[in-house]
Amino acid sequence: MRFAISANRLLDGIVVFFGSSHHWVDQLSAASLYASKNEAEAALAVARLDQTRNVVVEPYVFEVRAEGAPIAHHIREAIRAAGPTVRKDHGKQADLLADKR
């Protein structure tokens, strides 16, 4: 099991993930992955600086499976990573479907 960090971008409410060079990215596949909970918690301290700068809201650590592309371990994060569940032609999953065509 690996760990990643998620939050919501304050500007538009989009779910974002803490990526390399301490930048927020909008795809789980671009998120930084941490080998241990302690390593993720240390990165979370850095990510929380962006909360004080009003960039993101409520960053937190969550578990991912990382056999190939990272996949959220719990359904809550899987839904947050993909976007709305009512229509597949909206949100991040629409972009993924377009890429496969």
N, C-alpha and C. Protein backbone atom coordinates (compact mmCIF):
# COMPACT_ATOMS: atom_id res chain seq x y z
N MET A 1 0.84 -1.18 0.00
CA MET A 1 0.00 0.00 0.00
C MET A 1 0.89 1.24 0.00
N ARG A 2 0.47 2.23 -0.74
CA ARG A 2 1.14 3.53 -0.77
C ARG A 2 0.16 4.57 -0.27
N PHE A 3 0.64 5.81 -0.19
CA PHE A 3 -0.19 6.91 0.30
C PHE A 3 -0.05 8.11 -0.62
N ALA A 4 -1.11 8.90 -0.71
CA ALA A 4 -1.11 10.14 -1.49
C ALA A 4 -1.83 11.20 -0.65
N ILE A 5 -1.80 12.43 -1.15
CA ILE A 5 -2.44 13.55 -0.45
C ILE A 5 -3.45 14.19 -1.39
N SER A 6 -4.63 14.47 -0.87
CA SER A 6 -5.68 15.10 -1.65
C SER A 6 -6.21 16.32 -0.91
N ALA A 7 -6.83 17.21 -1.67
CA ALA A 7 -7.50 18.41 -1.12
C ALA A 7 -8.45 18.91 -2.20
N ASN A 8 -9.11 20.00 -1.92
CA ASN A 8 -9.90 20.69 -2.93
C ASN A 8 -9.24 22.04 -3.19
N ARG A 9 -9.11 22.37 -4.46
CA ARG A 9 -8.54 23.66 -4.83
C ARG A 9 -9.57 24.74 -4.49
N LEU A 10 -9.15 25.76 -3.78
CA LEU A 10 -10.06 26.78 -3.30
C LEU A 10 -10.64 27.61 -4.45
N LEU A 11 -9.88 27.84 -5.49
CA LEU A 11 -10.31 28.67 -6.61
C LEU A 11 -11.58 28.14 -7.29
N ASP A 12 -11.65 26.80 -7.50
CA ASP A 12 -12.77 26.25 -8.25
C ASP A 12 -13.39 25.00 -7.63
N GLY A 13 -12.87 24.54 -6.50
CA GLY A 13 -13.43 23.37 -5.82
C GLY A 13 -13.00 22.03 -6.38
N ILE A 14 -12.18 22.03 -7.42
CA ILE A 14 -11.73 20.79 -8.05
C ILE A 14 -10.89 19.96 -7.08
N VAL A 15 -11.07 18.65 -7.10
CA VAL A 15 -10.24 17.75 -6.31
C VAL A 15 -8.84 17.75 -6.91
N VAL A 16 -7.84 17.94 -6.06
CA VAL A 16 -6.45 17.96 -6.50
C VAL A 16 -5.62 17.04 -5.63
N PHE A 17 -4.43 16.71 -6.14
CA PHE A 17 -3.52 15.80 -5.46
C PHE A 17 -2.15 16.45 -5.39
N PHE A 18 -1.44 16.21 -4.30
CA PHE A 18 -0.12 16.79 -4.10
C PHE A 18 0.86 16.05 -4.99
N GLY A 19 1.47 16.78 -5.92
CA GLY A 19 2.38 16.17 -6.89
C GLY A 19 3.82 16.54 -6.64
N SER A 20 4.65 16.26 -7.61
CA SER A 20 6.08 16.53 -7.49
C SER A 20 6.34 18.03 -7.39
N SER A 21 7.45 18.37 -6.80
CA SER A 21 7.85 19.77 -6.60
C SER A 21 6.81 20.58 -5.84
N HIS A 22 6.01 19.89 -5.04
CA HIS A 22 5.01 20.54 -4.19
C HIS A 22 3.97 21.32 -4.99
N HIS A 23 3.63 20.81 -6.17
CA HIS A 23 2.57 21.40 -6.99
C HIS A 23 1.33 20.52 -6.90
N TRP A 24 0.17 21.14 -6.97
CA TRP A 24 -1.09 20.40 -6.97
C TRP A 24 -1.45 20.03 -8.40
N VAL A 25 -1.87 18.79 -8.58
CA VAL A 25 -2.25 18.26 -9.89
C VAL A 25 -3.69 17.75 -9.82
N ASP A 26 -4.37 17.69 -10.96
CA ASP A 26 -5.77 17.28 -10.93
C ASP A 26 -6.02 15.82 -11.29
N GLN A 27 -4.96 15.06 -11.51
CA GLN A 27 -5.11 13.63 -11.81
C GLN A 27 -4.33 12.80 -10.78
N LEU A 28 -4.96 11.77 -10.27
CA LEU A 28 -4.30 10.88 -9.30
C LEU A 28 -3.04 10.27 -9.90
N SER A 29 -3.05 10.02 -11.20
CA SER A 29 -1.89 9.42 -11.84
C SER A 29 -0.64 10.30 -11.78
N ALA A 30 -0.82 11.60 -11.54
CA ALA A 30 0.31 12.53 -11.44
C ALA A 30 0.69 12.86 -10.00
N ALA A 31 -0.01 12.27 -9.04
CA ALA A 31 0.25 12.55 -7.63
C ALA A 31 1.55 11.92 -7.16
N SER A 32 2.17 12.55 -6.19
CA SER A 32 3.32 11.93 -5.52
C SER A 32 2.81 10.80 -4.64
N LEU A 33 3.50 9.68 -4.66
CA LEU A 33 3.13 8.54 -3.82
C LEU A 33 4.19 8.36 -2.75
N TYR A 34 3.76 8.01 -1.56
CA TYR A 34 4.65 7.87 -0.42
C TYR A 34 4.60 6.43 0.08
N ALA A 35 5.76 5.89 0.39
CA ALA A 35 5.88 4.49 0.77
C ALA A 35 5.35 4.19 2.17
N SER A 36 5.33 5.19 3.04
CA SER A 36 4.87 4.95 4.40
C SER A 36 3.95 6.08 4.86
N LYS A 37 3.16 5.80 5.86
CA LYS A 37 2.26 6.81 6.43
C LYS A 37 3.08 7.96 7.02
N ASN A 38 4.22 7.65 7.65
CA ASN A 38 5.07 8.69 8.22
C ASN A 38 5.61 9.63 7.14
N GLU A 39 6.04 9.07 6.02
CA GLU A 39 6.53 9.88 4.91
C GLU A 39 5.40 10.76 4.36
N ALA A 40 4.21 10.21 4.25
CA ALA A 40 3.06 10.98 3.77
C ALA A 40 2.68 12.09 4.74
N GLU A 41 2.74 11.81 6.02
CA GLU A 41 2.41 12.82 7.04
C GLU A 41 3.42 13.97 7.00
N ALA A 42 4.68 13.67 6.73
CA ALA A 42 5.70 14.73 6.60
C ALA A 42 5.38 15.60 5.39
N ALA A 43 4.98 14.98 4.28
CA ALA A 43 4.61 15.75 3.08
C ALA A 43 3.33 16.54 3.33
N LEU A 44 2.42 15.98 4.13
CA LEU A 44 1.18 16.67 4.45
C LEU A 44 1.46 18.00 5.18
N ALA A 45 2.46 18.00 6.02
CA ALA A 45 2.83 19.26 6.71
C ALA A 45 3.20 20.34 5.70
N VAL A 46 3.88 19.95 4.63
CA VAL A 46 4.23 20.89 3.56
C VAL A 46 2.97 21.28 2.78
N ALA A 47 2.14 20.32 2.47
CA ALA A 47 0.91 20.58 1.72
C ALA A 47 -0.01 21.54 2.47
N ARG A 48 -0.03 21.44 3.78
CA ARG A 48 -0.89 22.31 4.59
C ARG A 48 -0.47 23.78 4.51
N LEU A 49 0.75 24.03 4.11
CA LEU A 49 1.17 25.43 3.92
C LEU A 49 0.31 26.09 2.85
N ASP A 50 -0.10 25.32 1.84
CA ASP A 50 -0.97 25.87 0.80
C ASP A 50 -2.37 26.15 1.32
N GLN A 51 -2.77 25.49 2.38
CA GLN A 51 -4.05 25.81 3.00
C GLN A 51 -3.96 27.18 3.66
N THR A 52 -2.86 27.46 4.31
CA THR A 52 -2.69 28.78 4.95
C THR A 52 -2.57 29.89 3.90
N ARG A 53 -2.17 29.53 2.68
CA ARG A 53 -2.07 30.50 1.57
C ARG A 53 -3.36 30.58 0.76
N ASN A 54 -4.41 29.87 1.21
CA ASN A 54 -5.71 29.86 0.53
C ASN A 54 -5.63 29.30 -0.89
N VAL A 55 -4.81 28.28 -1.06
CA VAL A 55 -4.72 27.59 -2.35
C VAL A 55 -5.63 26.37 -2.35
N VAL A 56 -5.61 25.60 -1.25
CA VAL A 56 -6.43 24.39 -1.12
C VAL A 56 -7.14 24.39 0.23
N VAL A 57 -8.13 23.49 0.33
CA VAL A 57 -8.89 23.32 1.56
C VAL A 57 -8.73 21.88 2.04
N GLU A 58 -8.45 21.71 3.32
CA GLU A 58 -8.44 20.41 4.00
C GLU A 58 -7.61 19.31 3.33
N PRO A 59 -6.33 19.50 3.13
CA PRO A 59 -5.52 18.39 2.61
C PRO A 59 -5.47 17.24 3.61
N TYR A 60 -5.44 16.01 3.10
CA TYR A 60 -5.37 14.83 3.96
C TYR A 60 -4.68 13.69 3.21
N VAL A 61 -4.20 12.73 3.96
CA VAL A 61 -3.52 11.55 3.42
C VAL A 61 -4.55 10.44 3.21
N PHE A 62 -4.39 9.69 2.11
CA PHE A 62 -5.25 8.52 1.87
C PHE A 62 -4.42 7.41 1.23
N GLU A 63 -4.95 6.19 1.31
CA GLU A 63 -4.25 5.01 0.80
C GLU A 63 -4.53 4.81 -0.69
N VAL A 64 -3.51 4.38 -1.40
CA VAL A 64 -3.66 4.02 -2.82
C VAL A 64 -2.99 2.67 -3.06
N ARG A 65 -3.51 1.96 -4.04
CA ARG A 65 -2.85 0.76 -4.54
C ARG A 65 -2.01 1.22 -5.72
N ALA A 66 -0.79 0.77 -5.80
CA ALA A 66 0.11 1.28 -6.82
C ALA A 66 0.74 0.17 -7.66
N GLU A 67 -0.06 -0.76 -8.11
CA GLU A 67 0.41 -1.76 -9.07
C GLU A 67 0.15 -1.15 -10.45
N GLY A 68 1.13 -0.51 -11.02
CA GLY A 68 0.92 0.26 -12.24
C GLY A 68 0.44 1.65 -11.87
N ALA A 69 -0.61 2.12 -12.53
CA ALA A 69 -1.18 3.43 -12.22
C ALA A 69 -1.83 3.39 -10.83
N PRO A 70 -1.67 4.46 -10.05
CA PRO A 70 -2.25 4.46 -8.71
C PRO A 70 -3.78 4.44 -8.76
N ILE A 71 -4.37 3.67 -7.86
CA ILE A 71 -5.83 3.56 -7.73
C ILE A 71 -6.17 3.77 -6.26
N ALA A 72 -7.14 4.62 -6.00
CA ALA A 72 -7.56 4.87 -4.63
C ALA A 72 -8.05 3.57 -3.99
N HIS A 73 -7.66 3.34 -2.75
CA HIS A 73 -8.01 2.11 -2.04
C HIS A 73 -9.46 2.12 -1.56
N HIS A 74 -9.98 3.28 -1.19
CA HIS A 74 -11.35 3.39 -0.67
C HIS A 74 -12.24 4.08 -1.69
N ILE A 75 -13.51 3.76 -1.67
CA ILE A 75 -14.47 4.27 -2.65
C ILE A 75 -14.56 5.79 -2.62
N ARG A 76 -14.48 6.41 -1.46
CA ARG A 76 -14.58 7.87 -1.37
C ARG A 76 -13.53 8.54 -2.25
N GLU A 77 -12.29 8.10 -2.12
CA GLU A 77 -11.21 8.70 -2.90
C GLU A 77 -11.31 8.31 -4.38
N ALA A 78 -11.81 7.13 -4.66
CA ALA A 78 -11.99 6.73 -6.06
C ALA A 78 -13.01 7.65 -6.75
N ILE A 79 -14.08 7.97 -6.05
CA ILE A 79 -15.08 8.88 -6.60
C ILE A 79 -14.49 10.27 -6.75
N ARG A 80 -13.78 10.74 -5.73
CA ARG A 80 -13.16 12.08 -5.81
C ARG A 80 -12.16 12.15 -6.97
N ALA A 81 -11.44 11.08 -7.21
CA ALA A 81 -10.44 11.07 -8.29
C ALA A 81 -11.09 11.08 -9.66
N ALA A 82 -12.27 10.44 -9.80
CA ALA A 82 -12.91 10.31 -11.11
C ALA A 82 -13.86 11.45 -11.44
N GLY A 83 -14.49 12.02 -10.44
CA GLY A 83 -15.46 13.08 -10.70
C GLY A 83 -16.88 12.58 -10.47
N PRO A 84 -17.87 13.31 -10.97
CA PRO A 84 -19.28 12.97 -10.71
C PRO A 84 -19.61 11.53 -11.11
N THR A 85 -20.49 10.92 -10.36
CA THR A 85 -20.85 9.52 -10.63
C THR A 85 -22.14 9.40 -11.43
N VAL A 86 -22.85 10.47 -11.64
CA VAL A 86 -24.14 10.37 -12.30
C VAL A 86 -24.04 10.35 -13.82
N ARG A 87 -22.99 10.94 -14.38
CA ARG A 87 -22.82 10.96 -15.84
C ARG A 87 -21.34 10.82 -16.15
N LYS A 88 -21.02 9.88 -17.01
CA LYS A 88 -19.62 9.63 -17.37
C LYS A 88 -19.08 10.64 -18.38
N ASP A 89 -19.96 11.50 -18.92
CA ASP A 89 -19.50 12.49 -19.88
C ASP A 89 -19.14 13.83 -19.23
N HIS A 90 -19.12 13.86 -17.89
CA HIS A 90 -18.71 15.04 -17.14
C HIS A 90 -17.57 14.69 -16.21
N GLY A 91 -16.82 15.67 -15.81
CA GLY A 91 -15.75 15.45 -14.85
C GLY A 91 -14.52 14.82 -15.48
N LYS A 92 -13.65 14.34 -14.63
CA LYS A 92 -12.38 13.78 -15.07
C LYS A 92 -12.53 12.51 -15.89
N GLN A 93 -13.57 11.72 -15.60
CA GLN A 93 -13.76 10.49 -16.35
C GLN A 93 -14.09 10.79 -17.81
N ALA A 94 -14.69 11.94 -18.11
CA ALA A 94 -14.96 12.32 -19.50
C ALA A 94 -13.64 12.51 -20.25
N ASP A 95 -12.66 13.12 -19.60
CA ASP A 95 -11.36 13.29 -20.22
C ASP A 95 -10.70 11.95 -20.49
N LEU A 96 -10.84 11.03 -19.54
CA LEU A 96 -10.24 9.70 -19.71
C LEU A 96 -10.91 8.95 -20.86
N LEU A 97 -12.22 9.05 -20.96
CA LEU A 97 -12.93 8.39 -22.06
C LEU A 97 -12.51 8.99 -23.40
N ALA A 98 -12.35 10.29 -23.47
CA ALA A 98 -11.95 10.95 -24.72
C ALA A 98 -10.56 10.50 -25.14
N ASP A 99 -9.66 10.30 -24.17
CA ASP A 99 -8.30 9.85 -24.47
C ASP A 99 -8.28 8.43 -25.05
N LYS A 100 -9.27 7.60 -24.70
CA LYS A 100 -9.31 6.22 -25.16
C LYS A 100 -9.92 6.09 -26.56
N ARG A 101 -10.55 7.15 -27.03
CA ARG A 101 -11.19 7.08 -28.36
C ARG A 101 -10.21 7.26 -29.46
